[in-house]
Protein backbone atom coordinates (compact mmCIF):
# COMPACT_ATOMS: atom_id res chain seq x y z
CA MET A 1 38.81 -109.47 -35.62
CA SER A 2 40.78 -109.31 -32.17
CA GLU A 3 42.84 -106.02 -33.71
CA THR A 4 39.84 -104.65 -34.99
CA VAL A 5 38.15 -104.95 -31.43
CA THR A 6 41.90 -103.63 -29.74
CA ILE A 7 41.27 -100.52 -32.19
CA GLU A 8 37.45 -100.19 -31.26
CA ALA A 9 37.57 -100.40 -27.63
CA PRO A 10 39.68 -97.12 -26.80
CA THR A 11 37.89 -95.08 -29.47
CA THR A 12 34.51 -96.33 -27.28
CA SER A 13 36.03 -95.35 -24.11
CA GLU A 14 37.14 -92.29 -25.02
CA THR A 15 33.85 -91.29 -26.71
CA HIS A 16 32.10 -92.39 -23.81
CA GLU A 17 34.40 -89.70 -21.07
CA ILE A 18 33.89 -87.10 -23.57
CA GLY A 19 29.87 -87.15 -23.59
CA GLU A 20 29.75 -87.48 -19.89
CA GLU A 21 31.94 -84.32 -19.74
CA ARG A 22 30.08 -82.36 -21.55
CA GLY A 23 26.74 -83.49 -20.38
CA LEU A 24 27.94 -82.42 -16.96
CA ALA A 25 28.62 -79.14 -18.50
CA VAL A 26 25.33 -78.75 -19.92
CA GLU A 27 23.71 -79.70 -16.55
CA GLN A 28 25.23 -76.97 -15.31
CA ARG A 29 24.20 -74.19 -17.10
CA ASP A 30 20.65 -75.75 -17.62
CA ASP A 31 18.57 -78.23 -15.96
CA GLN A 32 16.41 -78.45 -19.38
CA ASP A 33 19.35 -80.08 -21.28
CA GLU A 34 19.79 -83.56 -18.86
CA ASP A 35 17.06 -85.01 -21.43
CA HIS A 36 19.43 -84.28 -24.43
CA VAL A 37 22.37 -85.47 -22.58
CA ALA A 38 20.74 -88.63 -22.06
CA THR A 39 19.93 -89.14 -25.85
CA GLN A 40 23.30 -88.56 -26.38
CA ALA A 41 25.12 -91.14 -24.50
CA ALA A 42 22.27 -93.37 -25.91
CA GLU A 43 23.84 -92.65 -29.35
CA THR A 44 27.54 -92.94 -28.10
CA ASP A 45 26.52 -96.86 -26.55
CA GLU A 46 24.92 -98.07 -30.28
CA PRO A 47 28.46 -98.11 -31.85
CA ILE A 48 29.80 -101.06 -29.76
CA VAL A 49 26.80 -103.15 -29.73
CA GLN A 50 27.10 -103.07 -33.43
CA ALA A 51 30.98 -103.62 -33.68
CA SER A 52 30.25 -106.75 -31.39
CA GLY A 53 28.20 -108.10 -34.29
CA GLY A 54 29.90 -107.30 -37.48
CA ALA A 55 32.97 -106.60 -39.53
CA ASP A 56 31.56 -103.26 -40.56
CA VAL A 57 32.34 -101.63 -37.14
CA THR A 58 35.78 -100.34 -38.21
CA SER A 59 34.25 -97.93 -41.01
CA GLN A 60 30.99 -96.74 -38.86
CA ALA A 61 32.58 -96.09 -35.62
CA PRO A 62 35.22 -93.37 -37.18
CA ALA A 63 31.84 -91.81 -38.12
CA LYS A 64 30.08 -91.68 -35.29
CA VAL A 65 32.82 -90.58 -33.50
CA LEU A 66 33.35 -87.67 -35.64
CA ASP A 67 29.59 -86.50 -35.34
CA THR A 68 29.35 -86.16 -31.63
CA PRO A 69 31.39 -82.93 -31.45
CA VAL A 70 28.85 -81.45 -34.06
CA VAL A 71 25.79 -82.21 -32.01
CA ASP A 72 27.43 -81.47 -28.76
CA GLN A 73 28.44 -78.47 -30.08
CA ALA A 74 25.08 -77.57 -31.20
CA ALA A 75 23.71 -78.27 -27.79
CA ALA A 76 26.12 -75.78 -26.12
CA GLN A 77 25.33 -73.14 -28.66
CA VAL A 78 21.64 -73.38 -27.63
CA ALA A 79 22.74 -73.27 -23.78
CA GLY A 80 24.59 -69.92 -24.04
CA LEU A 81 21.44 -68.23 -25.97
CA ASP A 82 19.48 -69.20 -23.38
CA SER A 83 21.77 -68.11 -20.66
CA ALA A 84 22.01 -64.45 -22.96
CA ASP A 85 18.46 -64.11 -23.13
CA ILE A 86 17.97 -64.68 -19.50
CA ASP A 87 20.44 -62.37 -18.52
CA GLU A 88 19.15 -59.72 -20.88
CA ASN A 89 15.57 -60.73 -19.64
CA PHE A 90 16.87 -60.02 -16.10
CA LYS A 91 18.71 -56.73 -16.91
CA ARG A 92 15.22 -55.29 -18.36
CA ALA A 93 13.15 -56.07 -15.58
CA ALA A 94 15.87 -54.88 -13.30
CA ARG A 95 15.79 -51.52 -15.48
CA ALA A 96 11.76 -51.61 -15.02
CA PHE A 97 12.30 -52.07 -11.32
CA LEU A 98 14.81 -49.50 -10.53
CA ASP A 99 12.48 -47.08 -12.93
CA VAL A 100 9.85 -47.71 -10.65
CA HIS A 101 11.26 -47.29 -8.05
CA ARG A 102 12.82 -44.17 -8.98
CA ASP A 103 9.69 -42.97 -9.78
CA GLU A 104 8.30 -43.71 -6.53
CA VAL A 105 11.31 -42.21 -4.79
CA ALA A 106 10.55 -39.35 -6.59
CA GLN A 107 7.31 -38.84 -5.71
CA ARG A 108 8.07 -39.48 -2.11
CA GLU A 109 10.52 -37.00 -2.26
CA GLU A 110 8.44 -34.50 -3.30
CA GLU A 111 6.20 -34.96 -1.21
CA ILE A 112 8.84 -34.79 1.54
CA SER A 113 9.41 -31.50 0.20
CA LYS A 114 6.14 -30.05 0.30
CA LEU A 115 5.91 -31.00 4.39
CA ARG A 116 9.28 -29.79 4.73
CA ALA A 117 7.82 -26.61 3.37
CA GLU A 118 4.84 -26.20 5.35
CA LEU A 119 6.88 -27.44 8.07
CA LYS A 120 9.33 -24.66 7.77
CA ARG A 121 5.98 -22.09 7.58
CA VAL A 122 4.77 -23.48 10.60
CA ARG A 123 7.48 -23.25 12.82
CA GLU A 124 7.92 -19.49 11.80
CA GLY A 125 4.60 -18.71 12.56
CA LEU A 126 4.70 -20.68 15.80
CA LYS A 127 8.04 -18.12 16.38
CA ALA A 128 6.31 -15.18 15.43
CA LEU A 129 3.53 -15.70 17.95
CA GLU A 130 5.92 -16.78 20.49
CA LYS A 131 7.44 -13.93 19.74
CA ALA A 132 4.28 -11.79 20.06
CA ALA A 133 3.11 -13.71 23.26
CA GLN A 134 6.89 -12.53 25.03
CA ARG A 135 6.47 -8.82 24.06
CA PRO A 136 4.33 -6.89 26.26
CA GLU A 137 2.20 -6.08 23.80
CA THR A 138 1.91 -5.87 19.96
CA SER A 139 3.01 -3.38 17.22
CA ARG A 140 -0.99 -2.93 16.56
CA ASP A 141 -1.89 -2.93 20.65
CA ALA A 142 0.81 -0.30 21.29
CA ASN A 143 -1.19 2.20 18.87
CA HIS A 144 -4.43 1.00 20.26
CA ASP A 145 -3.12 1.44 23.78
CA GLU A 146 -1.09 5.02 23.13
CA GLU A 147 -4.46 6.39 21.42
CA TRP A 148 -6.82 5.13 24.20
CA GLN A 149 -5.11 4.52 26.85
CA LEU A 150 -6.82 6.22 30.41
CA THR A 151 -5.49 9.07 31.73
CA VAL A 152 -3.95 9.37 35.06
CA ASP A 153 -6.22 11.97 37.30
CA ASP A 154 -5.42 13.89 40.12
CA PRO A 155 -8.05 14.95 42.56
CA ASP A 156 -7.58 18.49 42.41
CA VAL A 157 -7.78 19.21 38.49
CA THR A 158 -11.18 16.49 38.70
CA PHE A 159 -12.31 18.68 41.40
CA GLN A 160 -12.09 22.08 39.42
CA LYS A 161 -13.06 20.77 36.75
CA ILE A 162 -16.75 19.18 37.79
CA LYS A 163 -16.45 22.86 39.59
CA GLU A 164 -16.49 24.63 36.29
CA ILE A 165 -19.63 22.50 35.08
CA TRP A 166 -21.49 23.55 38.33
CA GLU A 167 -20.86 26.87 37.62
CA THR A 168 -21.77 26.94 33.96
CA CYS A 169 -25.10 25.24 34.85
CA PHE A 170 -25.61 27.70 37.30
CA ILE A 171 -24.87 31.00 35.68
CA ALA A 172 -26.50 29.59 32.49
CA VAL A 173 -30.06 28.83 34.39
CA GLN A 174 -30.06 31.79 36.94
CA GLY A 175 -29.20 34.26 33.65
CA VAL A 176 -32.13 32.74 31.80
CA MET A 177 -34.16 32.50 35.26
CA ASP A 178 -33.75 36.33 36.38
CA ALA A 179 -35.53 37.80 33.60
CA ASP A 180 -38.87 38.97 34.19
CA ASP A 181 -42.00 37.37 32.73
CA ALA A 182 -45.50 38.21 31.83
CA GLU A 183 -47.37 38.79 35.63
CA GLU A 184 -50.11 35.55 34.91
CA PHE A 185 -47.00 33.22 34.61
CA LEU A 186 -45.07 34.33 37.71
CA SER A 187 -48.41 33.80 39.70
CA ASP A 188 -48.62 30.28 38.31
CA TRP A 189 -45.29 29.66 40.79
CA SER A 190 -47.24 30.32 43.76
CA VAL A 191 -49.85 27.63 42.93
CA VAL A 192 -47.66 24.79 41.28
CA ASN A 193 -48.56 21.46 42.28
CA TRP A 194 -45.55 20.22 44.03
CA ALA A 195 -46.81 17.02 45.29
CA ASP A 196 -46.09 15.86 41.11
CA LEU A 197 -42.46 17.10 41.71
CA GLU A 198 -42.01 15.25 44.91
CA GLU A 199 -41.94 12.01 43.41
CA LYS A 200 -39.21 12.89 40.69
CA MET A 201 -37.40 15.90 43.27
CA PRO A 202 -37.39 14.47 46.80
CA GLY A 203 -37.08 17.74 48.67
CA VAL A 204 -38.89 20.17 46.39
CA THR A 205 -40.72 21.81 48.95
CA ALA A 206 -37.54 22.85 50.11
CA PHE A 207 -38.16 26.22 47.34
CA PRO A 208 -40.75 29.20 48.78
CA LEU A 209 -44.11 29.79 47.39
CA GLU A 210 -43.49 33.76 46.50
CA ALA A 211 -44.22 34.40 42.68
CA SER A 212 -41.50 37.20 43.28
CA ASN A 213 -38.63 35.20 44.13
CA LYS A 214 -36.47 34.50 41.40
CA SER A 215 -34.06 32.99 42.90
CA SER A 216 -36.20 29.67 44.51
CA ARG A 217 -37.34 29.37 40.72
CA THR A 218 -33.50 29.21 39.47
CA MET A 219 -33.06 26.36 42.23
CA LEU A 220 -35.83 24.68 41.16
CA VAL A 221 -34.63 24.44 37.55
CA MET A 222 -30.93 23.77 39.24
CA ALA A 223 -32.46 20.63 40.93
CA LEU A 224 -34.41 19.24 37.84
CA LEU A 225 -30.90 19.69 35.88
CA ALA A 226 -29.42 18.06 38.59
CA LYS A 227 -31.27 15.23 37.81
CA SER A 228 -31.15 15.24 34.00
CA LEU A 229 -27.60 15.33 34.69
CA GLU A 230 -27.28 12.02 36.61
CA ASP A 231 -29.46 10.21 34.05
CA TYR A 232 -28.10 11.45 30.41
CA ILE A 233 -24.77 13.42 30.72
CA LEU A 234 -22.62 12.52 33.62
CA THR A 235 -22.39 8.88 32.48
CA PRO A 236 -19.10 6.73 32.00
CA ASN A 237 -19.25 7.07 28.18
CA TYR A 238 -21.62 8.14 25.27
CA LEU A 239 -21.90 4.84 23.59
CA PHE A 240 -25.60 3.99 23.68
CA GLU A 241 -28.91 6.44 24.30
CA ASP A 242 -29.59 4.08 27.25
CA ASP A 243 -26.52 2.52 29.02
CA ASP A 244 -28.51 1.73 32.68
CA GLU A 245 -26.73 -2.19 32.21
CA VAL A 246 -23.35 -1.08 30.98
CA ARG A 247 -23.27 1.61 34.10
CA PHE A 248 -24.44 -1.06 36.90
CA ILE A 249 -21.93 -3.59 35.39
CA LEU A 250 -19.17 -1.26 35.30
CA SER A 251 -20.21 -0.28 38.83
CA LYS A 252 -20.14 -4.20 40.47
CA MET A 253 -17.03 -4.90 38.65
CA THR A 254 -13.89 -5.54 41.28
CA ASP A 255 -11.06 -6.64 38.94
CA THR A 256 -10.36 -3.14 38.01
CA LYS A 257 -7.77 -3.99 35.42
CA LYS A 258 -10.75 -5.99 33.64
CA LYS A 259 -12.99 -2.87 34.37
CA ASN A 260 -10.15 -0.24 32.98
CA ARG A 261 -9.83 -2.08 29.76
CA LEU A 262 -13.42 -2.43 29.00
CA ARG A 263 -13.81 1.26 29.59
CA SER A 264 -11.11 1.95 27.34
CA LEU A 265 -12.75 -0.32 24.86
CA LEU A 266 -16.03 1.22 25.17
CA LEU A 267 -14.57 4.59 24.91
CA SER A 268 -12.69 3.86 21.60
CA ALA A 269 -15.53 2.70 19.97
CA CYS A 270 -17.43 5.99 21.05
CA GLU A 271 -14.51 7.29 19.34
CA GLY A 272 -14.15 5.29 15.87
CA GLU A 273 -14.38 7.60 12.73
CA ASP A 274 -16.64 5.06 11.07
CA VAL A 275 -19.45 5.80 14.24
CA LYS A 276 -18.19 9.53 14.69
CA GLU A 277 -22.02 10.56 13.09
CA GLU A 278 -23.93 7.52 15.18
CA MET A 279 -22.22 9.02 18.24
CA GLU A 280 -23.05 12.49 17.83
CA ASN A 281 -26.61 11.64 17.37
CA VAL A 282 -26.52 9.61 20.86
CA LYS A 283 -24.82 12.74 22.42
CA ALA A 284 -27.91 15.15 20.63
CA PHE A 285 -30.29 12.33 21.97
CA ARG A 286 -28.99 13.22 25.44
CA VAL A 287 -28.91 16.55 25.18
CA GLU A 288 -32.67 16.50 24.28
CA SER A 289 -33.48 14.04 26.56
CA ALA A 290 -31.97 16.15 29.56
CA VAL A 291 -33.53 19.01 28.39
CA ASN A 292 -36.99 17.64 28.49
CA GLY A 293 -36.52 16.52 31.95
CA VAL A 294 -36.10 19.91 33.16
CA ILE A 295 -38.33 21.60 30.65
CA GLN A 296 -42.00 19.41 30.84
CA PRO A 297 -42.11 19.40 34.71
CA ILE A 298 -42.39 23.69 34.78
CA GLN A 299 -43.47 23.98 31.29
CA SER A 300 -46.79 25.30 32.08
CA LEU A 301 -45.03 28.02 34.32
CA LEU A 302 -43.44 29.79 31.92
CA SER A 303 -44.70 32.01 28.97
CA GLU A 304 -43.83 30.23 25.37
CA THR A 305 -41.10 32.84 24.57
CA ARG A 306 -39.41 32.18 28.07
CA CYS A 307 -39.93 28.40 27.68
CA GLU A 308 -38.19 28.64 24.08
CA ARG A 309 -35.41 30.56 25.78
CA VAL A 310 -34.82 27.90 28.26
CA LYS A 311 -34.65 25.34 26.14
CA ALA A 312 -32.10 27.00 24.04
CA THR A 313 -29.72 28.21 26.52
CA LEU A 314 -29.82 24.70 28.23
CA VAL A 315 -29.04 23.16 24.89
CA GLU A 316 -26.35 24.99 24.41
CA THR A 317 -25.24 24.42 28.50
CA LEU A 318 -25.37 20.58 27.93
CA CYS A 319 -23.38 20.66 25.06
CA ASP A 320 -20.72 22.55 26.82
CA VAL A 321 -21.25 20.18 29.36
CA VAL A 322 -20.97 16.92 27.08
CA THR A 323 -17.38 18.55 26.15
CA ALA A 324 -16.22 18.91 29.64
CA TRP A 325 -17.06 15.73 30.97
CA GLN A 326 -15.73 13.41 28.27
CA PRO A 327 -12.07 13.97 29.40
CA VAL A 328 -13.23 13.22 32.60
CA GLN A 329 -14.43 10.00 31.38
CA ARG A 330 -11.03 8.96 30.44
CA TYR A 331 -9.04 9.27 33.49
CA GLU A 332 -8.33 5.77 35.02
CA SER A 333 -10.79 6.68 37.89
CA HIS A 334 -14.03 5.50 37.54
CA PHE A 335 -16.68 8.37 38.45
CA GLU A 336 -20.72 7.89 39.03
CA VAL A 337 -23.04 10.25 39.99
CA SER A 338 -25.92 10.45 42.30
CA THR A 339 -28.56 12.86 43.75
CA ASP A 340 -29.38 10.91 46.78
CA ALA A 341 -29.08 13.15 49.63
CA SER A 342 -30.37 10.55 52.26
CA ARG A 343 -27.27 8.64 53.02
CA ALA A 344 -25.64 9.22 56.39
CA ASN A 345 -21.99 10.72 57.11
CA ARG A 346 -21.75 12.31 53.74
CA ASP A 347 -19.83 15.56 52.92
CA TRP A 348 -21.78 18.02 50.74
CA LEU A 349 -21.36 21.74 49.90
CA THR A 350 -24.49 23.89 51.35
CA LEU A 351 -25.76 26.85 48.59
CA ARG A 352 -26.22 29.98 49.97
CA LEU A 353 -28.11 32.77 47.64
CA MET A 354 -26.91 36.28 48.77
CA GLU A 355 -28.82 39.59 47.96
CA ASP A 356 -26.25 40.57 45.39
CA LYS A 357 -27.08 37.28 43.15
CA THR A 358 -24.45 35.39 44.14
CA ALA A 359 -24.06 31.89 45.80
CA ALA A 360 -21.75 30.81 48.55
CA LEU A 361 -20.91 27.42 49.35
CA GLU A 362 -20.19 25.89 52.59
CA SER A 363 -19.19 22.58 53.61
CA VAL A 364 -21.98 20.64 55.81
CA ASN A 365 -22.30 16.87 56.50
CA SER A 366 -25.44 15.05 55.55
CA SER A 367 -25.69 14.01 59.38
CA SER A 368 -27.03 17.49 59.86
CA PHE A 369 -30.13 17.40 57.67
CA GLY A 370 -31.91 16.10 60.75
CA ALA A 371 -32.16 19.84 61.94
CA ASP A 372 -33.23 21.06 58.26
CA PRO A 373 -34.68 18.45 56.33
CA VAL A 374 -36.15 20.08 53.86
CA LEU A 375 -33.85 20.63 50.89
CA ALA A 376 -33.41 19.99 46.91
CA VAL A 377 -29.82 18.36 45.37
CA VAL A 378 -28.91 21.23 42.41
CA PHE A 379 -25.76 19.31 41.62
CA PRO A 380 -25.32 15.52 41.88
CA ARG A 381 -22.37 14.35 43.92
CA VAL A 382 -19.55 12.84 41.64
CA CYS A 383 -17.40 9.55 43.27
CA ALA A 384 -14.71 7.63 42.16
CA ILE A 385 -15.75 3.73 42.12
CA ASP A 386 -12.92 0.98 42.95
CA ARG A 387 -14.15 -1.99 44.35
CA SER A 388 -11.01 -3.66 44.71
CA MET A 389 -10.02 -1.28 47.46
CA LYS A 390 -11.12 -0.20 51.06
CA PRO A 391 -12.99 2.40 50.77
CA SER A 392 -14.65 0.93 47.17
CA VAL A 393 -16.40 5.01 46.57
CA THR A 394 -14.25 7.60 47.16
CA THR A 395 -15.65 11.51 46.75
CA ALA A 396 -14.18 13.68 44.00
CA PHE A 397 -16.62 16.45 44.28
CA PRO A 398 -19.39 16.56 46.97
CA GLY A 399 -22.79 17.13 45.78
CA ILE A 400 -24.59 20.72 46.27
CA VAL A 401 -27.71 20.97 48.15
CA PHE A 402 -30.56 23.75 48.43
CA GLN A 403 -31.54 24.43 52.17
CA LYS A 404 -34.61 26.56 52.93
CA SER A 405 -32.89 27.70 56.50
CA TRP A 406 -30.04 29.46 53.80
CA VAL A 407 -32.69 31.15 51.63
CA ILE A 408 -32.53 34.94 51.54
CA ALA A 409 -35.37 36.80 50.56
CA THR A 410 -36.02 40.45 49.59
CA ASP A 411 -37.82 40.59 52.47
CA ALA A 412 -35.96 38.32 55.19
CA ALA A 413 -38.00 39.06 57.95
CA THR A 414 -41.23 37.45 56.12
CA VAL A 415 -38.97 34.56 55.15
CA GLU A 416 -38.13 34.33 58.99
CA GLU A 417 -41.62 34.47 59.65
CA GLY A 418 -43.06 31.99 57.07
CA GLU A 419 -40.19 29.49 57.99
CA ASN A 420 -40.66 29.20 61.68
CA ALA A 421 -44.52 29.28 61.27
CA ALA A 422 -44.09 26.35 58.72
CA GLU A 423 -40.93 24.52 60.97
CA PRO A 424 -41.73 25.41 64.51
CA ASP A 425 -39.00 22.99 66.00
CA ILE A 426 -36.32 24.34 64.27
CA GLU A 427 -34.34 27.09 66.54
CA ALA A 428 -30.99 26.58 64.41
CA GLY A 429 -31.83 28.94 61.91
CA PRO A 430 -30.38 31.98 60.83
CA ALA A 431 -30.85 35.58 61.77
CA PRO A 432 -33.21 37.56 59.70
CA GLU A 433 -30.13 38.96 58.34
CA PRO A 434 -27.73 36.37 58.36
CA ASN A 435 -24.31 37.51 58.13
CA ILE A 436 -21.90 34.53 56.78
CA LYS A 437 -19.27 35.33 59.57
CA ASP A 438 -22.33 34.30 62.41
CA LEU A 439 -21.93 30.77 60.57
CA PRO A 440 -20.11 28.02 62.81
CA GLU A 441 -16.80 26.03 61.95
CA GLU A 442 -17.62 22.89 59.45
CA LYS A 443 -15.70 20.07 61.70
CA PRO A 444 -15.05 16.65 60.14
CA TYR A 445 -17.90 14.04 61.36
CA SER A 446 -16.49 10.85 63.10
CA SER A 447 -19.20 10.03 65.40
CA PRO A 448 -22.80 8.84 64.98
CA SER A 449 -25.71 11.18 63.86
CA PRO A 450 -26.83 13.10 66.60
CA GLY A 451 -30.42 13.80 67.48
CA PRO A 452 -32.09 17.04 65.74
CA GLU A 453 -32.00 18.46 69.46
CA GLN A 454 -28.43 17.40 70.12
CA ALA A 455 -27.75 19.01 66.71
CA GLU A 456 -29.53 22.53 67.85
CA VAL A 457 -27.20 22.54 71.18
CA GLU A 458 -24.08 21.76 69.50
CA VAL A 459 -24.68 24.51 67.11
CA GLU A 460 -25.05 27.42 69.55
CA ALA A 461 -22.36 26.16 71.79
CA GLN A 462 -19.72 26.16 69.00
CA PRO A 463 -18.05 29.23 69.46
CA VAL A 464 -17.13 31.49 66.21
CA LYS A 465 -12.97 31.09 65.10
CA GLU A 466 -13.23 31.84 61.43
CA GLU A 467 -14.97 32.51 58.39
CA PRO A 468 -16.02 29.52 56.33
CA LYS A 469 -13.50 28.29 53.57
CA PRO A 470 -15.21 29.54 50.13
CA ILE A 471 -15.57 26.70 47.20
CA ASP A 472 -12.08 27.91 45.38
CA ALA A 473 -10.51 26.74 48.69
CA HIS A 474 -12.16 23.33 49.25
CA PRO A 475 -10.06 20.56 48.62
CA PRO A 476 -10.99 17.34 47.31
CA ILE A 477 -12.64 14.96 49.72
CA THR A 478 -10.65 11.56 50.17
CA GLY A 479 -11.75 7.71 50.87
CA SER A 480 -11.95 8.16 54.35
CA GLU A 481 -15.05 11.03 54.30
CA SER A 482 -16.62 8.81 52.11
CA GLU A 483 -16.33 5.67 53.70
CA GLY A 484 -15.97 7.00 57.20
CA SER A 485 -19.45 6.09 59.24
CA THR A 486 -18.54 4.09 61.95
CA SER A 487 -19.99 0.56 62.59
CA GLU A 488 -23.00 1.96 64.41
CA ASP A 489 -24.00 3.85 61.40
CA GLU A 490 -23.02 0.99 58.90
CA ASP A 491 -25.60 -1.27 60.53
CA THR A 492 -28.62 1.40 60.74
CA GLU A 493 -28.19 2.07 57.07
CA ASP A 494 -30.37 -0.76 55.61
CA GLY A 495 -28.28 -3.09 57.36
CA SER A 496 -25.22 -2.54 54.28
CA GLU A 497 -21.46 -2.73 55.58
CA THR A 498 -19.83 -1.11 52.92
CA GLU A 499 -21.14 0.63 49.98
CA SER A 500 -22.14 -1.48 47.52
CA ASN A 501 -23.46 -0.21 44.03
CA THR A 502 -23.92 3.90 43.03
CA GLU A 503 -27.14 4.38 44.97
CA GLU A 504 -24.71 4.32 47.69
CA ILE A 505 -22.59 7.15 46.52
């Protein structure tokens, strides 16, 4: 018995130690195997109890010892399979996560690529804008400015162009009005209702009433034509049929650069191919309106044949004037015209009709109109307006006035007698047979306007030095002459200190 116990004791101890070692191994691999290890420990303890109770221990112990490795090996295999499955599941989960992450990264990279492309386009656009802003003008603006840029004007050239317009009008009107008409229509000129024309044309009573005086009829038509030129033809542009508002705005603008840009824009709009037909219609309307302004007041004084001839002549003449005036519109100087001769200290040209049907032009200052107040403007005064400069108004071409004292009729004595009867206070008129050499030399005006009596004394006291300059030698008048009134004159001229609108031209 003791020997049997002695043999079993080491076996039981060894079996117990093996079970504990394998149980620890199982615990390290998986927490779920702890229950299985406990069961193995219980089965290992059973042979010890049985050994203390009977003789059959020797035959049973080895069997238990041999079975233990088989059970532990199965548990180890089970534990190994679970670990492999976990690794595989982890790998599958990791692969799935990486696939999802890769998809998100790919989408974000695609969005980033689009944003980069958009940013590149924005930068290129910004760079182009900055480059365009740094240049003085884009290619489109360069082409526009090259085509519509206002041209630099020369005072002498401008004076000559306007003088040619005057000559064109005068020659045409004189040619058509000098022709003989029926006696009944000629007599109507003597009974014309001058009061009806006085409001439209101040100074119309300057014309003598003799029916045979063709020159007076010519001057009457020229005076009516001058008003039509002011209203319809000699304007800054031909964009609208009625441009009073545009002319007013241009005359008030003080920023010359902006005004020139606006004028250039308006002129370019007039010359576009898409509006060419419309602009021709506007020009035709203006010419027709100008002709009607001349014909309507005197239509009853002309025979039907003469009236149609005058109309045709005026239409042809005004079309030529439009063509001649268009280059002047594109000058840098902004020109406006006026037929108002009531402003003091303004230089004009006075028209003297000669016996050989020629016309002589002589310089005269408006301050002398007090001695010869009965007159009519037969060609408008043309001035350049620049509100950013002092003076703001500069004479480009002095207007032309027709004074009664300079009329030379066929019977000079009759004309002189009629003038003296109508104007007994005027003694400074020409002799019955005036000669251009008898006229005093014109002097620049630099003092307040003298009264009529003082003017007469000065005219009589002036010595004759030389013959007055003809119109061909008349130089352009500068701003000092158009704005040369003294402070005393400025205080007496409607309280204005400087010229501020086209009515002051």
